[in-house]
N, C-alpha and C. Protein backbone atom coordinates (compact mmCIF):
# COMPACT_ATOMS: atom_id res chain seq x y z
N CYS A 1 -12.18 4.92 -47.54
CA CYS A 1 -12.90 6.25 -47.62
C CYS A 1 -13.93 6.42 -46.27
N GLU A 2 -14.04 4.84 -45.38
CA GLU A 2 -15.15 5.39 -44.32
C GLU A 2 -14.54 5.73 -43.16
N LYS A 3 -15.49 6.11 -42.52
CA LYS A 3 -14.97 6.88 -41.46
C LYS A 3 -16.01 6.00 -40.39
N LYS A 4 -14.07 5.68 -39.02
CA LYS A 4 -14.61 4.88 -38.45
C LYS A 4 -14.06 6.25 -36.98
N ASP A 5 -14.41 7.14 -37.08
CA ASP A 5 -14.00 8.29 -35.79
C ASP A 5 -14.38 8.97 -35.99
N LYS A 6 -14.43 10.19 -35.46
CA LYS A 6 -14.99 11.68 -35.22
C LYS A 6 -14.32 12.53 -36.56
N VAL A 7 -12.47 12.52 -36.09
CA VAL A 7 -11.41 13.20 -36.79
C VAL A 7 -11.15 12.07 -37.48
N ASN A 8 -11.00 12.73 -38.58
CA ASN A 8 -10.53 11.13 -40.12
C ASN A 8 -10.47 12.01 -41.33
N VAL A 9 -8.83 12.33 -41.51
CA VAL A 9 -8.43 13.42 -41.84
C VAL A 9 -8.65 12.83 -43.75
N GLY A 10 -8.76 11.13 -43.63
CA GLY A 10 -8.77 10.65 -45.14
C GLY A 10 -10.31 10.75 -45.49
N TRP A 11 -11.12 10.48 -44.42
CA TRP A 11 -12.42 11.04 -45.30
C TRP A 11 -12.71 12.73 -45.27
N PHE A 12 -12.55 13.13 -44.72
CA PHE A 12 -12.66 14.40 -45.46
C PHE A 12 -11.85 14.64 -46.64
N TRP A 13 -10.98 13.92 -46.72
CA TRP A 13 -9.95 14.00 -48.49
C TRP A 13 -10.96 13.42 -49.12
N CYS A 14 -11.65 11.82 -49.05
CA CYS A 14 -12.03 11.58 -50.13
C CYS A 14 -13.27 11.67 -50.19
N THR A 15 -14.04 12.57 -49.03
CA THR A 15 -15.73 13.10 -49.52
C THR A 15 -14.93 14.26 -50.09
N GLY A 16 -14.09 15.23 -50.23
CA GLY A 16 -14.06 15.98 -50.33
C GLY A 16 -13.65 15.79 -52.37
N TYR A 17 -12.98 14.28 -52.45
CA TYR A 17 -12.41 14.19 -53.79
C TYR A 17 -14.09 13.80 -54.88
N VAL A 18 -14.81 13.02 -53.88
CA VAL A 18 -15.53 12.15 -54.43
C VAL A 18 -16.66 13.74 -54.64
N GLU A 19 -16.67 15.09 -53.95
CA GLU A 19 -17.61 16.31 -54.42
C GLU A 19 -16.92 16.51 -55.63
N GLY A 20 -16.07 16.79 -55.76
CA GLY A 20 -15.24 17.54 -57.26
C GLY A 20 -14.90 17.03 -57.60
N TRP A 21 -14.66 15.44 -58.07
CA TRP A 21 -15.67 14.72 -58.73
C TRP A 21 -16.62 14.81 -59.83
N ALA A 22 -17.71 14.92 -58.55
CA ALA A 22 -18.95 14.43 -59.15
C ALA A 22 -19.30 16.04 -59.82
N GLU A 23 -19.09 17.46 -58.94
CA GLU A 23 -19.44 18.53 -59.89
C GLU A 23 -18.77 18.75 -61.24
N SER A 24 -17.56 18.27 -61.13
CA SER A 24 -16.83 18.49 -62.90
C SER A 24 -17.69 18.12 -63.45
N GLN A 25 -18.56 16.79 -63.34
CA GLN A 25 -19.40 16.18 -64.63
C GLN A 25 -21.04 17.35 -64.85
N ILE A 26 -21.32 17.90 -62.99
CA ILE A 26 -21.68 18.93 -63.12
C ILE A 26 -21.68 19.68 -64.86
N ILE A 27 -20.54 19.90 -63.72
CA ILE A 27 -19.77 21.72 -65.18
C ILE A 27 -19.74 21.01 -66.13
N SER A 28 -19.30 20.05 -66.29
CA SER A 28 -18.64 19.12 -67.52
C SER A 28 -20.25 19.57 -69.01
N SER A 29 -20.87 18.98 -68.09
CA SER A 29 -22.12 18.85 -68.74
C SER A 29 -22.49 20.65 -69.26
N ALA A 30 -22.23 21.32 -68.93
CA ALA A 30 -22.68 23.13 -68.81
C ALA A 30 -21.99 23.51 -69.32
N PHE A 31 -20.61 23.66 -69.59
CA PHE A 31 -19.89 24.08 -70.57
C PHE A 31 -20.14 23.92 -71.50
N ALA A 32 -20.48 22.00 -72.71
CA ALA A 32 -21.53 21.04 -73.54
C ALA A 32 -22.42 22.40 -74.18
N LYS A 33 -23.80 22.29 -73.30
CA LYS A 33 -24.48 24.07 -73.28
C LYS A 33 -24.01 24.44 -73.76
N ALA A 34 -23.72 25.54 -72.73
CA ALA A 34 -22.85 26.77 -72.99
C ALA A 34 -21.96 26.98 -74.07
N GLN A 35 -20.97 25.97 -74.37
CA GLN A 35 -20.22 25.81 -74.88
C GLN A 35 -20.73 25.88 -77.17
N LYS A 36 -21.95 25.50 -77.22
CA LYS A 36 -22.91 24.89 -78.17
C LYS A 36 -23.04 27.00 -78.87
N THR A 37 -23.76 27.30 -77.31
CA THR A 37 -24.09 28.58 -77.68
C THR A 37 -23.39 30.81 -77.71
N GLY A 38 -21.91 29.72 -77.24
CA GLY A 38 -20.63 30.68 -77.30
C GLY A 38 -20.72 31.11 -76.39
N ALA A 39 -21.70 30.66 -75.15
CA ALA A 39 -21.14 31.62 -74.19
C ALA A 39 -19.87 31.13 -73.12
N MET A 40 -19.47 29.98 -73.73
CA MET A 40 -18.61 29.94 -73.20
C MET A 40 -16.91 30.87 -73.22
N LYS A 41 -16.88 30.39 -70.98
CA LYS A 41 -15.20 30.88 -71.32
C LYS A 41 -14.18 30.29 -71.37
N TRP A 42 -13.49 30.00 -72.00
CA TRP A 42 -11.92 28.71 -71.63
C TRP A 42 -10.96 29.25 -70.69
N VAL A 43 -10.77 28.38 -69.54
CA VAL A 43 -9.26 28.56 -69.40
C VAL A 43 -8.22 27.83 -69.84
N CYS A 44 -7.66 28.62 -70.38
CA CYS A 44 -5.69 28.77 -70.18
C CYS A 44 -4.91 28.42 -68.77
N PHE A 45 -4.74 27.80 -68.86
CA PHE A 45 -3.80 27.73 -67.68
C PHE A 45 -2.25 28.19 -67.98
N PRO A 46 -1.43 28.78 -68.20
CA PRO A 46 0.27 28.81 -68.29
C PRO A 46 0.32 27.31 -68.18
N LYS A 47 1.45 27.98 -69.88
CA LYS A 47 1.99 27.06 -70.62
C LYS A 47 2.83 25.84 -69.63
N GLY A 48 2.44 25.17 -69.81
CA GLY A 48 2.40 23.74 -69.02
C GLY A 48 2.43 23.30 -67.81
N GLY A 49 1.17 24.48 -67.83
CA GLY A 49 0.40 23.80 -66.47
C GLY A 49 0.14 23.01 -65.85
N LYS A 50 1.75 23.62 -64.93
CA LYS A 50 2.46 23.05 -63.51
C LYS A 50 2.18 24.67 -62.55
N MET A 51 1.20 24.07 -61.99
CA MET A 51 0.91 25.75 -60.26
C MET A 51 0.90 24.96 -59.71
N LEU A 52 1.46 26.10 -58.59
CA LEU A 52 0.84 25.21 -57.02
C LEU A 52 -0.47 25.07 -56.28
N ASN A 53 -1.14 24.46 -55.92
CA ASN A 53 -2.17 24.78 -55.68
C ASN A 53 -2.70 25.46 -54.97
N THR A 54 -1.67 26.16 -54.75
CA THR A 54 -1.81 27.75 -53.49
C THR A 54 -1.91 28.21 -54.17
N GLN A 55 -1.96 28.74 -55.32
CA GLN A 55 -1.45 29.38 -56.04
C GLN A 55 -2.99 29.49 -56.89
N LEU A 56 -3.69 28.87 -57.36
CA LEU A 56 -5.13 28.60 -57.73
C LEU A 56 -6.15 28.99 -56.68
N VAL A 57 -5.85 28.61 -55.17
CA VAL A 57 -6.57 29.19 -53.82
C VAL A 57 -5.95 30.75 -54.15
N ASP A 58 -5.60 31.12 -53.83
CA ASP A 58 -4.65 32.38 -54.29
C ASP A 58 -5.72 33.44 -54.83
N VAL A 59 -5.69 32.74 -56.25
CA VAL A 59 -6.65 33.02 -57.31
C VAL A 59 -8.26 33.25 -56.62
N LEU A 60 -8.67 31.98 -56.17
CA LEU A 60 -9.96 32.54 -55.87
C LEU A 60 -10.42 33.28 -54.68
N VAL A 61 -9.37 33.07 -53.58
CA VAL A 61 -9.84 34.04 -52.79
C VAL A 61 -10.09 35.04 -53.55
N LYS A 62 -8.61 35.70 -53.98
CA LYS A 62 -9.27 37.12 -54.88
C LYS A 62 -10.31 37.15 -55.66
N TYR A 63 -10.84 36.34 -55.87
CA TYR A 63 -12.02 36.74 -57.05
C TYR A 63 -13.16 37.02 -55.95
N LEU A 64 -13.15 36.29 -54.65
CA LEU A 64 -14.10 36.08 -54.06
C LEU A 64 -14.16 37.40 -52.60
N ASN A 65 -13.20 37.70 -52.77
CA ASN A 65 -13.02 39.31 -52.34
C ASN A 65 -13.24 40.31 -52.82
N ASN A 66 -13.10 40.04 -54.59
CA ASN A 66 -12.97 41.07 -55.27
C ASN A 66 -14.72 41.39 -55.82
N HIS A 67 -15.77 39.79 -55.86
CA HIS A 67 -16.99 39.96 -56.55
C HIS A 67 -17.73 39.07 -54.91
N PRO A 68 -17.82 40.25 -53.61
CA PRO A 68 -19.09 39.49 -52.47
C PRO A 68 -20.15 39.77 -52.83
N GLU A 69 -20.59 39.93 -54.47
CA GLU A 69 -22.11 39.91 -54.45
C GLU A 69 -22.66 38.42 -54.77
N ALA A 70 -21.65 37.73 -55.63
CA ALA A 70 -21.13 36.88 -56.26
C ALA A 70 -21.88 35.31 -55.73
N ARG A 71 -21.13 35.75 -54.18
CA ARG A 71 -20.48 34.79 -52.78
C ARG A 71 -21.67 33.58 -52.71
N HIS A 72 -22.58 33.63 -53.21
CA HIS A 72 -24.32 32.09 -53.52
C HIS A 72 -24.04 31.91 -54.35
N GLN A 73 -23.75 32.42 -54.95
CA GLN A 73 -22.85 31.12 -56.27
C GLN A 73 -22.86 29.93 -55.71
N LYS A 74 -22.75 28.82 -56.92
CA LYS A 74 -22.03 27.30 -56.55
C LYS A 74 -20.54 27.59 -56.91
N THR A 75 -19.89 26.85 -55.87
CA THR A 75 -17.77 26.71 -56.04
C THR A 75 -17.82 26.57 -57.14
N MET A 76 -18.08 25.84 -58.06
CA MET A 76 -17.71 25.23 -59.17
C MET A 76 -17.96 25.96 -60.37
N ILE A 77 -18.98 27.03 -60.42
CA ILE A 77 -19.17 28.36 -61.01
C ILE A 77 -18.19 29.49 -60.42
N LEU A 78 -18.37 29.51 -59.32
CA LEU A 78 -17.06 30.63 -58.99
C LEU A 78 -15.82 30.55 -59.38
N ALA A 79 -15.78 29.04 -58.61
CA ALA A 79 -14.03 28.76 -59.16
C ALA A 79 -13.90 29.32 -61.38
N HIS A 80 -14.66 28.42 -62.06
CA HIS A 80 -14.62 28.55 -62.96
C HIS A 80 -14.71 30.15 -63.96
N LYS A 81 -15.51 31.24 -62.96
CA LYS A 81 -15.40 32.30 -63.44
C LYS A 81 -14.41 33.48 -62.75
N ALA A 82 -13.21 32.50 -61.74
CA ALA A 82 -11.75 32.85 -61.17
C ALA A 82 -11.05 32.86 -62.18
N PHE A 83 -11.40 31.74 -62.37
CA PHE A 83 -9.57 31.19 -63.18
C PHE A 83 -10.19 30.98 -65.06
N SER A 84 -10.57 31.98 -65.04
CA SER A 84 -11.16 32.22 -66.49
C SER A 84 -10.54 33.52 -66.60
N GLU A 85 -10.77 34.30 -65.26
CA GLU A 85 -10.68 35.34 -65.78
C GLU A 85 -9.45 35.55 -65.53
N ALA A 86 -8.71 34.92 -64.52
CA ALA A 86 -6.83 35.11 -64.09
C ALA A 86 -6.42 34.40 -65.53
N PHE A 87 -6.50 33.50 -65.92
CA PHE A 87 -5.85 32.77 -66.53
C PHE A 87 -6.88 32.89 -68.32
N PRO A 88 -6.54 33.98 -69.52
CA PRO A 88 -7.45 34.03 -70.04
C PRO A 88 -7.44 33.27 -71.42
N CYS A 89 -8.15 32.20 -72.22
CA CYS A 89 -7.55 31.63 -73.55
C CYS A 89 -7.37 32.90 -74.85
N PRO A 90 -5.90 32.94 -74.84
CA PRO A 90 -5.94 33.86 -76.15
C PRO A 90 -6.95 33.84 -77.26
N LYS A 91 -7.02 35.02 -77.74
CA LYS A 91 -8.33 35.07 -79.42
C LYS A 91 -7.67 34.77 -80.49
N ASN A 92 -8.56 34.09 -81.28
CA ASN A 92 -7.77 33.57 -81.94
C ASN A 92 -7.94 35.21 -83.06
């Protein structure tokens, strides 16, 4: 994770990974609070949970194209909205 030159793909990957981890901690805390109030929408990926990253990107891009008014929101919130809409959990 050391930036040794101007174009270091590994450095960009590493910082992206760290940012993703940090955002997951923030959203986990928010989800815990939302779960207590019943405001939580869970994501239920297809059985087996094996999807291509490109499919997940397609879902997020489709959501962003369909909801331009929401693009000011944090990426972690937009991603959750996109995935919970595309992969809702069955109602009990």
